Amino acid sequence: MATFTNKATLTYNGVAVDSNTVTGKIEELLEIYKTAQTETYATGPVTYTVTLVNNGLTALENLTLTDDLGAYEAGGGTVYPLQANGPVRYFLDGVPKPDPAFTSDAGLVISGISLPAGSSAAIVYTATPTEFAPRDGDVGVTNTVTATGAGLAAPVSAQATVLPASGAVMAVYKSVTPDVVGEDAEISYAFIIENSGVEAVDPKSAAVLSDVFTPILHNIAVTLDGTALSEGTGYTYDESTGEFSTVPGVIDVPAATVTQDPATGAYTVVPGSVTLTVTGTIA
């Protein structure tokens, strides 16, 4: 909301006297606000909410919202650190309305938004970081949304900034070999533990991997990246229930390696990883 100030001056007999200063506010016909549901991003989508407020006495029909998705120039062209996802949700004064039409080839363009006089609308959508989204440091993604339409004297805009996640970002993938076994056969479970974040998981993180093996394993052997772990100091196991757990701090996963191609601007993230293997027999 813009503000203005002014004052008057009275002159007489070579004397000038100023009045008091008055202050006023100009209420914009259309107010726009944009928020991100989270302050940081990793690999998953970020949810954005764009709020529109019609302060006028007439309806605003068929507005178009354009989100630049943080576009910037790199590699001789325009790249987009965010990729918009559907659907786009549309709420008018808190009441759900039919999802509006949108395109997301070069930025996100949402059309057909209408606001009666004195009403407000919320437009909700998600966008997933691409290979052009910064992955470390204090540089994040700032994307700007702009509303245009025949009823507006000029476009109105709002922006939101999200930063790359600063900690560890963990994932675990489990496999079994072989997947078809006899009743008294030996099997191995492999757990690939990945860290796609910029901070390592060290012993102070006290990471623990736990599982309950069904069917129960007997006479197990455990390795971490090929190094044998001992029961009690490396893991605990209850052969009567199949409950398995590593000792806190045994799992140590390096941070991801992040590089940026200077020619294209694309970031490559190679997760740090370790593999835990548990082998035993079933009976």
Protein backbone atom coordinates (compact mmCIF):
# COMPACT_ATOMS: atom_id res chain seq x y z
CA MET A 1 0.00 0.00 0.00
CA ALA A 2 1.63 3.29 -1.14
CA THR A 3 1.78 6.31 1.19
CA PHE A 4 1.95 10.01 0.41
CA THR A 5 2.79 13.13 2.43
CA ASN A 6 2.46 16.86 1.75
CA LYS A 7 2.20 20.22 3.47
CA ALA A 8 1.15 23.76 2.60
CA THR A 9 3.13 26.99 2.86
CA LEU A 10 1.67 30.42 3.68
CA THR A 11 3.72 33.48 2.75
CA TYR A 12 3.02 37.07 3.85
CA ASN A 13 5.15 40.19 4.26
CA GLY A 14 8.21 38.19 3.29
CA VAL A 15 7.51 35.55 5.93
CA ALA A 16 6.84 31.87 5.13
CA VAL A 17 4.88 29.61 7.48
CA ASP A 18 4.52 25.87 6.87
CA SER A 19 1.43 23.89 7.77
CA ASN A 20 1.57 20.55 9.44
CA THR A 21 2.40 17.55 7.24
CA VAL A 22 -0.46 15.23 6.35
CA THR A 23 -0.01 11.57 5.50
CA GLY A 24 -2.32 9.40 3.48
CA LYS A 25 -2.36 5.95 1.94
CA ILE A 26 -3.34 4.87 -1.53
CA GLU A 27 -5.11 1.56 -1.42
CA GLU A 28 -4.13 -0.43 -4.48
CA LEU A 29 -6.94 -1.79 -6.58
CA LEU A 30 -5.40 -5.25 -6.48
CA GLU A 31 -3.07 -6.41 -3.72
CA ILE A 32 -0.92 -9.49 -4.28
CA TYR A 33 1.07 -11.57 -1.81
CA LYS A 34 3.14 -14.71 -2.29
CA THR A 35 4.37 -17.19 0.32
CA ALA A 36 6.29 -20.46 0.23
CA GLN A 37 5.14 -23.18 2.60
CA THR A 38 8.75 -24.03 3.49
CA GLU A 39 11.85 -21.85 3.71
CA THR A 40 14.18 -24.45 2.18
CA TYR A 41 14.18 -27.05 -0.58
CA ALA A 42 15.95 -30.33 -1.28
CA THR A 43 14.52 -32.59 -3.97
CA GLY A 44 10.81 -32.50 -3.19
CA PRO A 45 8.28 -29.91 -4.35
CA VAL A 46 7.74 -26.52 -2.74
CA THR A 47 4.14 -25.34 -2.23
CA TYR A 48 3.38 -21.71 -3.07
CA THR A 49 0.29 -19.68 -2.21
CA VAL A 50 -0.54 -16.49 -4.12
CA THR A 51 -3.15 -14.31 -2.41
CA LEU A 52 -5.10 -11.68 -4.39
CA VAL A 53 -7.28 -8.99 -2.77
CA ASN A 54 -9.68 -6.86 -4.82
CA ASN A 55 -10.04 -3.52 -3.02
CA GLY A 56 -12.11 -1.97 -5.80
CA LEU A 57 -15.82 -1.45 -6.27
CA THR A 58 -15.99 -3.49 -9.47
CA ALA A 59 -15.10 -7.07 -10.30
CA LEU A 60 -11.76 -7.99 -11.84
CA GLU A 61 -12.37 -10.55 -14.57
CA ASN A 62 -10.04 -13.02 -16.33
CA LEU A 63 -6.81 -12.10 -14.61
CA THR A 64 -3.64 -13.91 -15.65
CA LEU A 65 -0.90 -14.90 -13.20
CA THR A 66 2.61 -15.47 -14.54
CA ASP A 67 5.29 -17.02 -12.34
CA ASP A 68 8.82 -16.80 -13.77
CA LEU A 69 9.87 -19.85 -11.70
CA GLY A 70 13.12 -18.07 -10.84
CA ALA A 71 14.34 -17.95 -14.46
CA TYR A 72 17.87 -16.70 -15.11
CA GLU A 73 20.33 -16.64 -17.99
CA ALA A 74 22.96 -19.38 -18.27
CA GLY A 75 24.64 -21.27 -21.08
CA GLY A 76 23.46 -18.79 -23.66
CA GLY A 77 19.77 -19.18 -22.82
CA THR A 78 17.10 -19.01 -20.14
CA VAL A 79 17.03 -21.76 -17.53
CA TYR A 80 14.42 -22.47 -14.88
CA PRO A 81 15.41 -23.59 -11.36
CA LEU A 82 11.80 -24.66 -10.71
CA GLN A 83 9.38 -26.85 -12.65
CA ALA A 84 5.72 -26.21 -11.90
CA ASN A 85 3.47 -29.18 -11.16
CA GLY A 86 -0.25 -29.55 -11.54
CA PRO A 87 -2.92 -29.22 -10.49
CA VAL A 88 -3.38 -25.55 -9.62
CA ARG A 89 -5.94 -24.94 -6.86
CA TYR A 90 -8.19 -21.85 -6.78
CA PHE A 91 -10.09 -20.64 -3.70
CA LEU A 92 -12.40 -17.60 -3.72
CA ASP A 93 -13.11 -16.21 -0.24
CA GLY A 94 -12.06 -19.62 1.09
CA VAL A 95 -14.44 -21.59 -1.14
CA PRO A 96 -12.87 -24.04 -3.63
CA LYS A 97 -13.50 -23.15 -7.27
CA PRO A 98 -12.80 -25.21 -10.42
CA ASP A 99 -9.08 -25.59 -11.09
CA PRO A 100 -7.92 -22.88 -13.51
CA ALA A 101 -6.15 -23.57 -16.79
CA PHE A 102 -2.35 -23.32 -16.76
CA THR A 103 0.73 -23.89 -18.88
CA SER A 104 4.26 -24.47 -17.58
CA ASP A 105 6.52 -24.70 -20.62
CA ALA A 106 8.42 -21.44 -19.98
CA GLY A 107 7.36 -20.26 -16.57
CA LEU A 108 3.94 -20.90 -15.10
CA VAL A 109 0.97 -19.10 -16.65
CA ILE A 110 -2.42 -19.38 -14.90
CA SER A 111 -5.45 -17.90 -16.63
CA GLY A 112 -9.10 -17.24 -15.91
CA ILE A 113 -8.88 -15.84 -12.35
CA SER A 114 -11.80 -13.56 -11.44
CA LEU A 115 -12.46 -11.61 -8.23
CA PRO A 116 -15.74 -9.87 -7.34
CA ALA A 117 -15.44 -6.47 -5.68
CA GLY A 118 -14.14 -6.75 -2.12
CA SER A 119 -13.19 -10.41 -2.47
CA SER A 120 -9.94 -12.32 -2.07
CA ALA A 121 -8.57 -15.38 -3.82
CA ALA A 122 -5.86 -17.90 -3.00
CA ILE A 123 -4.03 -19.74 -5.78
CA VAL A 124 -2.02 -22.76 -4.62
CA TYR A 125 0.51 -24.72 -6.67
CA THR A 126 3.74 -26.66 -6.29
CA ALA A 127 7.09 -26.45 -8.05
CA THR A 128 9.96 -28.92 -7.95
CA PRO A 129 13.62 -27.83 -7.97
CA THR A 130 15.43 -28.67 -11.22
CA GLU A 131 19.11 -29.17 -11.97
CA PHE A 132 19.39 -25.38 -12.26
CA ALA A 133 18.42 -24.75 -8.62
CA PRO A 134 21.44 -23.85 -6.42
CA ARG A 135 22.31 -26.68 -4.05
CA ASP A 136 24.64 -25.09 -1.52
CA GLY A 137 25.51 -21.72 -0.06
CA ASP A 138 23.22 -18.79 0.63
CA VAL A 139 21.95 -18.37 -2.93
CA GLY A 140 18.50 -19.82 -3.37
CA VAL A 141 15.59 -19.42 -5.75
CA THR A 142 13.57 -16.21 -5.90
CA ASN A 143 10.55 -16.46 -8.16
CA THR A 144 8.21 -13.61 -9.01
CA VAL A 145 4.51 -13.85 -9.80
CA THR A 146 2.81 -11.07 -11.77
CA ALA A 147 -0.92 -10.43 -12.19
CA THR A 148 -2.18 -8.78 -15.37
CA GLY A 149 -5.64 -8.06 -16.74
CA ALA A 150 -7.81 -5.54 -18.54
CA GLY A 151 -9.10 -4.08 -15.27
CA LEU A 152 -5.64 -3.23 -13.94
CA ALA A 153 -3.86 0.03 -14.70
CA ALA A 154 -0.51 -1.74 -14.37
CA PRO A 155 0.75 -5.24 -13.53
CA VAL A 156 1.23 -6.06 -9.84
CA SER A 157 3.87 -8.48 -8.58
CA ALA A 158 5.05 -10.39 -5.53
CA GLN A 159 7.94 -12.75 -4.91
CA ALA A 160 9.14 -15.44 -2.53
CA THR A 161 12.60 -16.84 -1.82
CA VAL A 162 13.54 -20.36 -0.74
CA LEU A 163 17.06 -21.51 0.11
CA PRO A 164 18.73 -24.90 -0.40
CA ALA A 165 18.46 -27.19 2.60
CA SER A 166 21.53 -26.77 4.80
CA GLY A 167 21.64 -30.08 6.65
CA ALA A 168 21.81 -33.73 5.77
CA VAL A 169 19.06 -35.13 3.54
CA MET A 170 18.85 -38.87 4.07
CA ALA A 171 17.28 -41.76 2.21
CA VAL A 172 17.56 -45.53 2.59
CA TYR A 173 16.98 -48.24 -0.03
CA LYS A 174 16.57 -51.89 0.92
CA SER A 175 17.01 -55.01 -1.22
CA VAL A 176 17.09 -58.76 -0.59
CA THR A 177 19.21 -61.43 -2.32
CA PRO A 178 17.99 -63.85 -3.45
CA ASP A 179 14.31 -62.91 -3.55
CA VAL A 180 13.18 -66.55 -3.84
CA VAL A 181 14.69 -68.89 -1.24
CA GLY A 182 14.19 -72.26 0.38
CA GLU A 183 13.00 -72.66 3.94
CA ASP A 184 16.52 -73.09 5.35
CA ALA A 185 18.46 -70.91 2.93
CA GLU A 186 20.87 -68.02 3.47
CA ILE A 187 19.74 -64.55 2.45
CA SER A 188 21.29 -61.07 2.52
CA TYR A 189 19.64 -57.72 3.07
CA ALA A 190 21.46 -54.70 1.66
CA PHE A 191 20.66 -51.19 2.89
CA ILE A 192 22.04 -48.36 0.76
CA ILE A 193 22.01 -45.23 2.93
CA GLU A 194 22.33 -42.00 0.94
CA ASN A 195 22.90 -38.40 1.96
CA SER A 196 22.03 -35.82 -0.70
CA GLY A 197 22.53 -32.91 1.72
CA VAL A 198 25.53 -30.64 2.11
CA GLU A 199 26.39 -31.77 5.65
CA ALA A 200 27.78 -35.17 6.61
CA VAL A 201 26.12 -37.53 9.06
CA ASP A 202 28.95 -38.11 11.55
CA PRO A 203 28.98 -40.07 14.81
CA LYS A 204 27.62 -37.02 16.65
CA SER A 205 24.44 -37.37 14.58
CA ALA A 206 23.80 -40.71 16.32
CA ALA A 207 22.19 -42.20 13.20
CA VAL A 208 20.48 -45.56 13.73
CA LEU A 209 19.09 -48.03 11.21
CA SER A 210 16.58 -50.51 12.59
CA ASP A 211 14.52 -53.32 11.11
CA VAL A 212 12.50 -56.37 12.13
CA PHE A 213 13.39 -59.33 9.94
CA THR A 214 10.49 -61.53 8.91
CA PRO A 215 11.17 -64.41 8.71
CA ILE A 216 13.66 -64.23 11.55
CA LEU A 217 17.32 -64.53 10.60
CA HIS A 218 19.76 -66.73 12.47
CA ASN A 219 23.55 -66.58 12.78
CA ILE A 220 23.72 -63.14 11.20
CA ALA A 221 26.82 -61.38 9.92
CA VAL A 222 26.82 -57.59 9.47
CA THR A 223 29.12 -55.38 7.40
CA LEU A 224 29.27 -51.66 6.75
CA ASP A 225 30.93 -50.86 3.43
CA GLY A 226 32.61 -54.27 3.64
CA THR A 227 33.91 -53.85 7.20
CA ALA A 228 32.55 -56.36 9.69
CA LEU A 229 30.54 -55.03 12.63
CA SER A 230 30.47 -56.83 15.97
CA GLU A 231 27.34 -57.45 17.98
CA GLY A 232 27.16 -55.11 20.95
CA THR A 233 29.57 -52.49 19.62
CA GLY A 234 28.26 -52.27 16.06
CA TYR A 235 24.71 -53.57 16.28
CA THR A 236 22.17 -55.30 18.48
CA TYR A 237 20.00 -58.21 17.43
CA ASP A 238 17.27 -60.23 19.14
CA GLU A 239 17.13 -63.62 17.45
CA SER A 240 13.85 -64.44 19.18
CA THR A 241 11.98 -61.48 17.62
CA GLY A 242 14.07 -60.54 14.58
CA GLU A 243 14.61 -57.00 15.89
CA PHE A 244 17.82 -55.48 14.52
CA SER A 245 19.41 -52.08 15.17
CA THR A 246 22.77 -50.46 14.60
CA VAL A 247 24.48 -48.83 17.56
CA PRO A 248 23.99 -45.04 17.55
CA GLY A 249 26.84 -43.28 15.73
CA VAL A 250 28.17 -46.33 13.88
CA ILE A 251 26.67 -45.15 10.60
CA ASP A 252 28.75 -42.31 9.16
CA VAL A 253 27.59 -40.94 5.78
CA PRO A 254 29.55 -38.26 3.89
CA ALA A 255 27.89 -35.17 2.45
CA ALA A 256 26.87 -35.03 -1.17
CA THR A 257 29.27 -33.69 -3.79
CA VAL A 258 27.79 -30.67 -5.59
CA THR A 259 29.24 -29.34 -8.85
CA GLN A 260 27.97 -26.77 -11.34
CA ASP A 261 28.62 -26.91 -15.08
CA PRO A 262 29.94 -23.44 -15.97
CA ALA A 263 28.73 -23.82 -19.55
CA THR A 264 25.10 -24.72 -18.84
CA GLY A 265 24.62 -23.63 -15.22
CA ALA A 266 23.27 -27.08 -14.31
CA TYR A 267 24.06 -28.48 -10.87
CA THR A 268 24.96 -32.12 -10.34
CA VAL A 269 24.44 -33.74 -6.94
CA VAL A 270 26.19 -37.03 -6.19
CA PRO A 271 24.92 -38.31 -2.84
CA GLY A 272 27.32 -39.59 -0.24
CA SER A 273 26.49 -43.20 0.59
CA VAL A 274 27.34 -46.27 2.65
CA THR A 275 26.02 -49.83 2.36
CA LEU A 276 25.01 -51.95 5.33
CA THR A 277 24.65 -55.67 4.68
CA VAL A 278 23.00 -58.21 6.96
CA THR A 279 23.34 -61.91 6.07
CA GLY A 280 21.74 -64.83 7.86
CA THR A 281 19.79 -68.04 7.49
CA ILE A 282 16.07 -68.62 7.80
CA ALA A 283 14.52 -71.71 9.32
